[in-house]
Amino acid sequence: MTVKLSDQVAIVTGASRGIGRAIAVLFAEEGCDVAINYRGDEAGALETAAAVEQFGRKAMLVKADVSSFEQCERMADAVAERFGKIDILVNNAGITRDNLLVSMDAEDIEAVIRTNLLGVIYPTKAVAMHMVRKRSGRIVNMSSSAASRPGKGQCNYAAAKGGVESFTRAMAVELAARNVLVNAVAPGVIMTDMSEQIRDMGDEEIKARLLLKRYAQPREVADLVLHLASPANQYMTGEVLHLNGGLKMA
């Protein structure tokens, strides 16, 4: 069987667990070496690296706060120095700090905006030049159904993810001439640690709004990211693909 990402190099941010880990492992299955970005969970990042290496691919741990451009620049340069190139960037790192705006601390607003929006802009800025020089690349940004259908208490998160979607379209315009395709995936509720609080608070209500009546697994998100990041995608750019079990239709 021909692997889809044979001998390519990817950076996956926030890859120590959840969707990021699923993406990193699937990429390795498909022949890709993976730079595993994390901010604090080194143990989780090491587990992801071990899973990548089980498929005979190289794993590189890169500790960096994606809300800092300086750290993102160092990450991109380090990955390019080790592997000689960067073919794929998946901007997956994200956090939630839900609350009603009138009760939300300014710190929680700023932290979510920094990680979820600047944490997409800065890695893209750091990596884009490497892709532009070789006139090829794939960037996949992680948005959320909250960008278009936010729940109560998600104003900071929804604002950040809305920004991610607009940024995705803007970068598609800027980078198309260099064959760098930029798309986004907007998952609904996925079975991850990050969504546990939401699921615990309204499991029956949420599932009632899903046409498929179940939550997605991280691997299902990874499958869609794989298509967008692979050479199979030659013509899609500037798009936001929704993966939410029919939430938008319910």
C-alpha atoms as a PDB file:
ATOM      1  CA  MET A   1       0.000   0.000   0.000  1.00  0.00           C
ATOM      2  CA  THR A   2       1.346   3.430  -0.936  1.00  0.00           C
ATOM      3  CA  VAL A   3       1.670   5.723   2.046  1.00  0.00           C
ATOM      4  CA  LYS A   4       0.190   9.191   1.640  1.00  0.00           C
ATOM      5  CA  LEU A   5       2.925  11.228   3.344  1.00  0.00           C
ATOM      6  CA  SER A   6       6.004   9.267   2.363  1.00  0.00           C
ATOM      7  CA  ASP A   7       9.178  10.954   3.674  1.00  0.00           C
ATOM      8  CA  GLN A   8       7.448  14.216   4.510  1.00  0.00           C
ATOM      9  CA  VAL A   9       8.040  16.313   7.635  1.00  0.00           C
ATOM     10  CA  ALA A  10       5.243  17.780   9.756  1.00  0.00           C
ATOM     11  CA  ILE A  11       4.992  20.018  12.784  1.00  0.00           C
ATOM     12  CA  VAL A  12       1.916  19.333  14.910  1.00  0.00           C
ATOM     13  CA  THR A  13       1.314  21.837  17.696  1.00  0.00           C
ATOM     14  CA  GLY A  14      -0.315  20.720  20.925  1.00  0.00           C
ATOM     15  CA  ALA A  15       0.544  17.111  20.094  1.00  0.00           C
ATOM     16  CA  SER A  16       0.981  15.737  23.616  1.00  0.00           C
ATOM     17  CA  ARG A  17      -2.591  14.411  23.773  1.00  0.00           C
ATOM     18  CA  GLY A  18      -6.033  14.324  22.206  1.00  0.00           C
ATOM     19  CA  ILE A  19      -6.506  15.386  18.602  1.00  0.00           C
ATOM     20  CA  GLY A  20      -2.888  16.499  18.242  1.00  0.00           C
ATOM     21  CA  ARG A  21      -1.600  13.087  19.255  1.00  0.00           C
ATOM     22  CA  ALA A  22      -4.042  11.344  16.919  1.00  0.00           C
ATOM     23  CA  ILE A  23      -2.833  13.509  14.025  1.00  0.00           C
ATOM     24  CA  ALA A  24       0.840  12.910  14.791  1.00  0.00           C
ATOM     25  CA  VAL A  25       0.367   9.143  15.007  1.00  0.00           C
ATOM     26  CA  LEU A  26      -1.699   8.927  11.821  1.00  0.00           C
ATOM     27  CA  PHE A  27       0.881  10.999   9.969  1.00  0.00           C
ATOM     28  CA  ALA A  28       3.557   8.557  11.121  1.00  0.00           C
ATOM     29  CA  GLU A  29       1.456   5.633   9.894  1.00  0.00           C
ATOM     30  CA  GLU A  30       1.413   7.357   6.523  1.00  0.00           C
ATOM     31  CA  GLY A  31       5.199   7.727   6.317  1.00  0.00           C
ATOM     32  CA  CYS A  32       5.766  11.162   7.870  1.00  0.00           C
ATOM     33  CA  ASP A  33       8.411  12.285  10.358  1.00  0.00           C
ATOM     34  CA  VAL A  34       6.778  14.409  13.046  1.00  0.00           C
ATOM     35  CA  ALA A  35       7.914  17.322  15.199  1.00  0.00           C
ATOM     36  CA  ILE A  36       5.770  17.099  18.322  1.00  0.00           C
ATOM     37  CA  ASN A  37       5.146  20.480  19.857  1.00  0.00           C
ATOM     38  CA  TYR A  38       4.129  20.838  23.491  1.00  0.00           C
ATOM     39  CA  ARG A  39       4.185  23.569  26.097  1.00  0.00           C
ATOM     40  CA  GLY A  40       4.166  21.808  29.477  1.00  0.00           C
ATOM     41  CA  ASP A  41       3.152  18.147  29.185  1.00  0.00           C
ATOM     42  CA  GLU A  42       6.508  16.557  28.415  1.00  0.00           C
ATOM     43  CA  ALA A  43       5.338  13.124  29.587  1.00  0.00           C
ATOM     44  CA  GLY A  44       2.434  13.228  27.151  1.00  0.00           C
ATOM     45  CA  ALA A  45       4.705  14.412  24.346  1.00  0.00           C
ATOM     46  CA  LEU A  46       7.059  11.512  25.022  1.00  0.00           C
ATOM     47  CA  GLU A  47       4.126   9.106  24.750  1.00  0.00           C
ATOM     48  CA  THR A  48       3.212  10.621  21.397  1.00  0.00           C
ATOM     49  CA  ALA A  49       6.822  10.320  20.246  1.00  0.00           C
ATOM     50  CA  ALA A  50       6.917   6.645  21.222  1.00  0.00           C
ATOM     51  CA  ALA A  51       3.747   6.025  19.219  1.00  0.00           C
ATOM     52  CA  VAL A  52       5.231   7.801  16.188  1.00  0.00           C
ATOM     53  CA  GLU A  53       8.446   5.781  16.394  1.00  0.00           C
ATOM     54  CA  GLN A  54       6.499   2.509  16.468  1.00  0.00           C
ATOM     55  CA  PHE A  55       5.804   3.131  12.787  1.00  0.00           C
ATOM     56  CA  GLY A  56       9.487   3.520  12.004  1.00  0.00           C
ATOM     57  CA  ARG A  57       9.337   7.287  11.653  1.00  0.00           C
ATOM     58  CA  LYS A  58      11.421   9.947  13.387  1.00  0.00           C
ATOM     59  CA  ALA A  59       9.905  11.967  16.213  1.00  0.00           C
ATOM     60  CA  MET A  60      11.288  15.281  17.448  1.00  0.00           C
ATOM     61  CA  LEU A  61      10.050  16.892  20.645  1.00  0.00           C
ATOM     62  CA  VAL A  62       9.843  20.684  20.480  1.00  0.00           C
ATOM     63  CA  LYS A  63       8.888  22.582  23.606  1.00  0.00           C
ATOM     64  CA  ALA A  64       7.459  25.970  22.648  1.00  0.00           C
ATOM     65  CA  ASP A  65       4.670  28.299  23.665  1.00  0.00           C
ATOM     66  CA  VAL A  66       2.846  28.943  20.381  1.00  0.00           C
ATOM     67  CA  SER A  67       1.629  32.325  21.627  1.00  0.00           C
ATOM     68  CA  SER A  68       5.244  33.561  21.492  1.00  0.00           C
ATOM     69  CA  PHE A  69       6.594  34.368  18.028  1.00  0.00           C
ATOM     70  CA  GLU A  70      10.200  34.062  19.195  1.00  0.00           C
ATOM     71  CA  GLN A  71       9.585  30.519  20.437  1.00  0.00           C
ATOM     72  CA  CYS A  72       7.726  29.595  17.246  1.00  0.00           C
ATOM     73  CA  GLU A  73      10.593  30.899  15.139  1.00  0.00           C
ATOM     74  CA  ARG A  74      13.090  28.841  17.117  1.00  0.00           C
ATOM     75  CA  MET A  75      10.834  25.779  16.721  1.00  0.00           C
ATOM     76  CA  ALA A  76      10.583  26.155  12.948  1.00  0.00           C
ATOM     77  CA  ASP A  77      14.310  26.731  12.534  1.00  0.00           C
ATOM     78  CA  ALA A  78      15.158  23.726  14.728  1.00  0.00           C
ATOM     79  CA  VAL A  79      12.849  21.420  12.776  1.00  0.00           C
ATOM     80  CA  ALA A  80      14.166  22.658   9.427  1.00  0.00           C
ATOM     81  CA  GLU A  81      17.751  22.217  10.609  1.00  0.00           C
ATOM     82  CA  ARG A  82      17.165  18.632  11.734  1.00  0.00           C
ATOM     83  CA  PHE A  83      15.038  17.404   8.828  1.00  0.00           C
ATOM     84  CA  GLY A  84      16.090  19.781   6.056  1.00  0.00           C
ATOM     85  CA  LYS A  85      12.534  20.928   5.310  1.00  0.00           C
ATOM     86  CA  ILE A  86       9.008  21.426   6.631  1.00  0.00           C
ATOM     87  CA  ASP A  87       6.206  20.082   4.443  1.00  0.00           C
ATOM     88  CA  ILE A  88       3.203  20.322   6.769  1.00  0.00           C
ATOM     89  CA  LEU A  89       2.094  22.494   9.675  1.00  0.00           C
ATOM     90  CA  VAL A  90      -0.931  21.557  11.759  1.00  0.00           C
ATOM     91  CA  ASN A  91      -1.948  24.341  14.140  1.00  0.00           C
ATOM     92  CA  ASN A  92      -3.797  22.292  16.731  1.00  0.00           C
ATOM     93  CA  ALA A  93      -2.807  23.732  20.121  1.00  0.00           C
ATOM     94  CA  GLY A  94      -5.726  25.197  22.027  1.00  0.00           C
ATOM     95  CA  ILE A  95      -7.235  25.859  25.437  1.00  0.00           C
ATOM     96  CA  THR A  96     -10.663  26.676  26.850  1.00  0.00           C
ATOM     97  CA  ARG A  97     -11.626  28.846  29.819  1.00  0.00           C
ATOM     98  CA  ASP A  98     -15.401  29.046  29.584  1.00  0.00           C
ATOM     99  CA  ASN A  99     -17.526  31.480  31.539  1.00  0.00           C
ATOM    100  CA  LEU A 100     -20.084  34.199  30.932  1.00  0.00           C
ATOM    101  CA  LEU A 101     -18.368  37.367  29.754  1.00  0.00           C
ATOM    102  CA  VAL A 102     -19.623  39.415  32.716  1.00  0.00           C
ATOM    103  CA  SER A 103     -17.971  36.904  35.067  1.00  0.00           C
ATOM    104  CA  MET A 104     -14.862  36.168  32.981  1.00  0.00           C
ATOM    105  CA  ASP A 105     -11.476  37.367  34.187  1.00  0.00           C
ATOM    106  CA  ALA A 106      -9.484  39.449  31.739  1.00  0.00           C
ATOM    107  CA  GLU A 107      -6.671  36.931  32.146  1.00  0.00           C
ATOM    108  CA  ASP A 108      -8.930  34.158  30.834  1.00  0.00           C
ATOM    109  CA  ILE A 109      -9.959  36.240  27.838  1.00  0.00           C
ATOM    110  CA  GLU A 110      -6.373  37.049  26.949  1.00  0.00           C
ATOM    111  CA  ALA A 111      -5.044  33.519  27.525  1.00  0.00           C
ATOM    112  CA  VAL A 112      -7.617  31.981  25.185  1.00  0.00           C
ATOM    113  CA  ILE A 113      -7.041  34.609  22.485  1.00  0.00           C
ATOM    114  CA  ARG A 114      -3.263  34.262  22.745  1.00  0.00           C
ATOM    115  CA  THR A 115      -3.205  30.461  22.546  1.00  0.00           C
ATOM    116  CA  ASN A 116      -6.037  29.851  20.098  1.00  0.00           C
ATOM    117  CA  LEU A 117      -5.499  32.765  17.702  1.00  0.00           C
ATOM    118  CA  LEU A 118      -1.933  34.028  18.055  1.00  0.00           C
ATOM    119  CA  GLY A 119      -1.009  30.360  18.514  1.00  0.00           C
ATOM    120  CA  VAL A 120      -2.084  29.850  14.902  1.00  0.00           C
ATOM    121  CA  ILE A 121      -0.745  33.097  13.453  1.00  0.00           C
ATOM    122  CA  TYR A 122       2.748  32.863  14.946  1.00  0.00           C
ATOM    123  CA  PRO A 123       3.596  29.258  13.949  1.00  0.00           C
ATOM    124  CA  THR A 124       2.270  29.997  10.469  1.00  0.00           C
ATOM    125  CA  LYS A 125       4.462  33.100  10.174  1.00  0.00           C
ATOM    126  CA  ALA A 126       7.487  31.120  11.372  1.00  0.00           C
ATOM    127  CA  VAL A 127       6.921  28.155   9.046  1.00  0.00           C
ATOM    128  CA  ALA A 128       5.544  29.889   5.948  1.00  0.00           C
ATOM    129  CA  MET A 129       8.900  31.185   4.729  1.00  0.00           C
ATOM    130  CA  HIS A 130      10.332  27.657   4.777  1.00  0.00           C
ATOM    131  CA  MET A 131       7.438  26.505   2.589  1.00  0.00           C
ATOM    132  CA  VAL A 132       7.561  29.536   0.299  1.00  0.00           C
ATOM    133  CA  ARG A 133      11.244  28.907  -0.443  1.00  0.00           C
ATOM    134  CA  LYS A 134      10.548  25.376  -1.670  1.00  0.00           C
ATOM    135  CA  ARG A 135       7.260  26.390  -3.306  1.00  0.00           C
ATOM    136  CA  SER A 136       5.119  23.768  -1.614  1.00  0.00           C
ATOM    137  CA  GLY A 137       3.415  23.133   1.689  1.00  0.00           C
ATOM    138  CA  ARG A 138       0.210  22.335   3.497  1.00  0.00           C
ATOM    139  CA  ILE A 139      -1.109  24.219   6.535  1.00  0.00           C
ATOM    140  CA  VAL A 140      -4.140  22.959   8.441  1.00  0.00           C
ATOM    141  CA  ASN A 141      -5.610  25.093  11.220  1.00  0.00           C
ATOM    142  CA  MET A 142      -7.890  23.755  13.919  1.00  0.00           C
ATOM    143  CA  SER A 143     -11.048  25.809  14.291  1.00  0.00           C
ATOM    144  CA  SER A 144     -14.216  24.698  16.092  1.00  0.00           C
ATOM    145  CA  SER A 145     -17.961  24.536  15.638  1.00  0.00           C
ATOM    146  CA  ALA A 146     -17.966  27.241  18.332  1.00  0.00           C
ATOM    147  CA  ALA A 147     -16.857  29.730  15.684  1.00  0.00           C
ATOM    148  CA  SER A 148     -20.256  29.495  13.996  1.00  0.00           C
ATOM    149  CA  ARG A 149     -22.453  27.949  16.721  1.00  0.00           C
ATOM    150  CA  PRO A 150     -21.015  28.967  20.088  1.00  0.00           C
ATOM    151  CA  GLY A 151     -22.416  27.676  23.338  1.00  0.00           C
ATOM    152  CA  LYS A 152     -23.076  29.787  26.409  1.00  0.00           C
ATOM    153  CA  GLY A 153     -19.848  30.850  28.089  1.00  0.00           C
ATOM    154  CA  GLN A 154     -17.694  30.423  24.972  1.00  0.00           C
ATOM    155  CA  CYS A 155     -17.346  34.053  23.898  1.00  0.00           C
ATOM    156  CA  ASN A 156     -13.537  34.143  24.207  1.00  0.00           C
ATOM    157  CA  TYR A 157     -13.107  30.772  22.518  1.00  0.00           C
ATOM    158  CA  ALA A 158     -15.627  31.561  19.755  1.00  0.00           C
ATOM    159  CA  ALA A 159     -13.945  34.894  19.037  1.00  0.00           C
ATOM    160  CA  ALA A 160     -10.534  33.232  18.750  1.00  0.00           C
ATOM    161  CA  LYS A 161     -11.782  30.448  16.484  1.00  0.00           C
ATOM    162  CA  GLY A 162     -13.668  32.925  14.302  1.00  0.00           C
ATOM    163  CA  GLY A 163     -10.364  34.704  13.893  1.00  0.00           C
ATOM    164  CA  VAL A 164      -8.701  31.429  12.944  1.00  0.00           C
ATOM    165  CA  GLU A 165     -11.190  30.923  10.125  1.00  0.00           C
ATOM    166  CA  SER A 166     -10.679  34.432   8.747  1.00  0.00           C
ATOM    167  CA  PHE A 167      -6.914  34.046   9.061  1.00  0.00           C
ATOM    168  CA  THR A 168      -7.109  30.752   7.160  1.00  0.00           C
ATOM    169  CA  ARG A 169      -8.786  32.455   4.218  1.00  0.00           C
ATOM    170  CA  ALA A 170      -6.344  35.374   4.288  1.00  0.00           C
ATOM    171  CA  MET A 171      -3.309  33.071   4.272  1.00  0.00           C
ATOM    172  CA  ALA A 172      -4.761  30.996   1.443  1.00  0.00           C
ATOM    173  CA  VAL A 173      -4.809  34.191  -0.624  1.00  0.00           C
ATOM    174  CA  GLU A 174      -1.236  35.115   0.314  1.00  0.00           C
ATOM    175  CA  LEU A 175       0.369  31.704  -0.184  1.00  0.00           C
ATOM    176  CA  ALA A 176      -1.458  30.188  -3.157  1.00  0.00           C
ATOM    177  CA  ALA A 177       1.073  31.488  -5.694  1.00  0.00           C
ATOM    178  CA  ARG A 178       3.760  29.432  -3.941  1.00  0.00           C
ATOM    179  CA  ASN A 179       1.655  26.240  -3.891  1.00  0.00           C
ATOM    180  CA  VAL A 180       1.099  26.425  -0.135  1.00  0.00           C
ATOM    181  CA  LEU A 181      -2.479  25.383   0.586  1.00  0.00           C
ATOM    182  CA  VAL A 182      -4.140  26.582   3.790  1.00  0.00           C
ATOM    183  CA  ASN A 183      -7.355  25.088   5.158  1.00  0.00           C
ATOM    184  CA  ALA A 184      -9.106  24.645   8.484  1.00  0.00           C
ATOM    185  CA  VAL A 185     -11.082  21.902  10.207  1.00  0.00           C
ATOM    186  CA  ALA A 186     -13.903  22.843  12.574  1.00  0.00           C
ATOM    187  CA  PRO A 187     -14.685  19.884  14.838  1.00  0.00           C
ATOM    188  CA  GLY A 188     -17.731  19.644  17.042  1.00  0.00           C
ATOM    189  CA  VAL A 189     -17.566  17.829  20.370  1.00  0.00           C
ATOM    190  CA  ILE A 190     -14.739  15.278  20.264  1.00  0.00           C
ATOM    191  CA  MET A 191     -13.938  12.640  22.868  1.00  0.00           C
ATOM    192  CA  THR A 192     -10.947  14.401  24.404  1.00  0.00           C
ATOM    193  CA  ASP A 193      -9.940  15.648  27.834  1.00  0.00           C
ATOM    194  CA  MET A 194     -10.558  19.225  26.684  1.00  0.00           C
ATOM    195  CA  SER A 195     -14.249  18.591  25.980  1.00  0.00           C
ATOM    196  CA  GLU A 196     -14.895  16.585  29.143  1.00  0.00           C
ATOM    197  CA  GLN A 197     -16.425  19.500  31.057  1.00  0.00           C
ATOM    198  CA  ILE A 198     -18.802  20.322  28.206  1.00  0.00           C
ATOM    199  CA  ARG A 199     -19.859  16.693  27.883  1.00  0.00           C
ATOM    200  CA  ASP A 200     -20.394  16.347  31.613  1.00  0.00           C
ATOM    201  CA  MET A 201     -22.547  19.478  31.777  1.00  0.00           C
ATOM    202  CA  GLY A 202     -24.884  18.730  28.885  1.00  0.00           C
ATOM    203  CA  ASP A 203     -24.400  15.254  27.441  1.00  0.00           C
ATOM    204  CA  GLU A 204     -28.039  14.532  26.577  1.00  0.00           C
ATOM    205  CA  GLU A 205     -28.719  18.055  25.323  1.00  0.00           C
ATOM    206  CA  ILE A 206     -25.659  18.018  23.069  1.00  0.00           C
ATOM    207  CA  LYS A 207     -26.377  14.602  21.594  1.00  0.00           C
ATOM    208  CA  ALA A 208     -29.950  15.660  20.915  1.00  0.00           C
ATOM    209  CA  ARG A 209     -28.543  18.340  18.575  1.00  0.00           C
ATOM    210  CA  LEU A 210     -26.323  15.863  16.695  1.00  0.00           C
ATOM    211  CA  LEU A 211     -27.797  14.075  13.707  1.00  0.00           C
ATOM    212  CA  LEU A 212     -25.432  11.151  14.302  1.00  0.00           C
ATOM    213  CA  LYS A 213     -26.164  11.073  18.074  1.00  0.00           C
ATOM    214  CA  ARG A 214     -22.571  10.444  19.097  1.00  0.00           C
ATOM    215  CA  TYR A 215     -19.298  12.256  19.654  1.00  0.00           C
ATOM    216  CA  ALA A 216     -16.408  11.862  17.239  1.00  0.00           C
ATOM    217  CA  GLN A 217     -13.140  10.196  18.129  1.00  0.00           C
ATOM    218  CA  PRO A 218      -9.838  12.080  17.695  1.00  0.00           C
ATOM    219  CA  ARG A 219      -8.845   9.672  14.913  1.00  0.00           C
ATOM    220  CA  GLU A 220     -11.830  10.832  12.850  1.00  0.00           C
ATOM    221  CA  VAL A 221     -10.554  14.409  13.001  1.00  0.00           C
ATOM    222  CA  ALA A 222      -7.066  13.182  12.118  1.00  0.00           C
ATOM    223  CA  ASP A 223      -8.401  11.418   9.020  1.00  0.00           C
ATOM    224  CA  LEU A 224      -9.762  14.699   7.650  1.00  0.00           C
ATOM    225  CA  VAL A 225      -6.583  16.597   8.512  1.00  0.00           C
ATOM    226  CA  LEU A 226      -4.587  13.898   6.712  1.00  0.00           C
ATOM    227  CA  HIS A 227      -6.484  14.474   3.480  1.00  0.00           C
ATOM    228  CA  LEU A 228      -5.979  18.241   3.628  1.00  0.00           C
ATOM    229  CA  ALA A 229      -2.268  17.827   4.399  1.00  0.00           C
ATOM    230  CA  SER A 230      -1.528  15.165   1.814  1.00  0.00           C
ATOM    231  CA  PRO A 231      -0.587  15.412  -1.870  1.00  0.00           C
ATOM    232  CA  ALA A 232      -4.094  14.074  -2.588  1.00  0.00           C
ATOM    233  CA  ASN A 233      -5.289  17.618  -1.915  1.00  0.00           C
ATOM    234  CA  GLN A 234      -4.203  19.634  -4.921  1.00  0.00           C
ATOM    235  CA  TYR A 235      -7.030  22.117  -5.315  1.00  0.00           C
ATOM    236  CA  MET A 236      -8.693  22.928  -2.008  1.00  0.00           C
ATOM    237  CA  THR A 237      -7.479  26.022  -0.183  1.00  0.00           C
ATOM    238  CA  GLY A 238      -9.071  28.689   1.989  1.00  0.00           C
ATOM    239  CA  GLU A 239     -11.818  26.350   3.151  1.00  0.00           C
ATOM    240  CA  VAL A 240     -13.219  25.503   6.580  1.00  0.00           C
ATOM    241  CA  LEU A 241     -14.458  21.908   6.744  1.00  0.00           C
ATOM    242  CA  HIS A 242     -16.972  21.096   9.474  1.00  0.00           C
ATOM    243  CA  LEU A 243     -16.782  17.752  11.264  1.00  0.00           C
ATOM    244  CA  ASN A 244     -19.583  17.830  13.803  1.00  0.00           C
ATOM    245  CA  GLY A 245     -21.973  14.938  13.302  1.00  0.00           C
ATOM    246  CA  GLY A 246     -24.591  17.183  11.727  1.00  0.00           C
ATOM    247  CA  LEU A 247     -24.639  19.824  14.479  1.00  0.00           C
ATOM    248  CA  LYS A 248     -24.967  22.647  11.935  1.00  0.00           C
ATOM    249  CA  MET A 249     -28.116  21.059  10.498  1.00  0.00           C
ATOM    250  CA  ALA A 250     -29.870  20.121  13.760  1.00  0.00           C
END
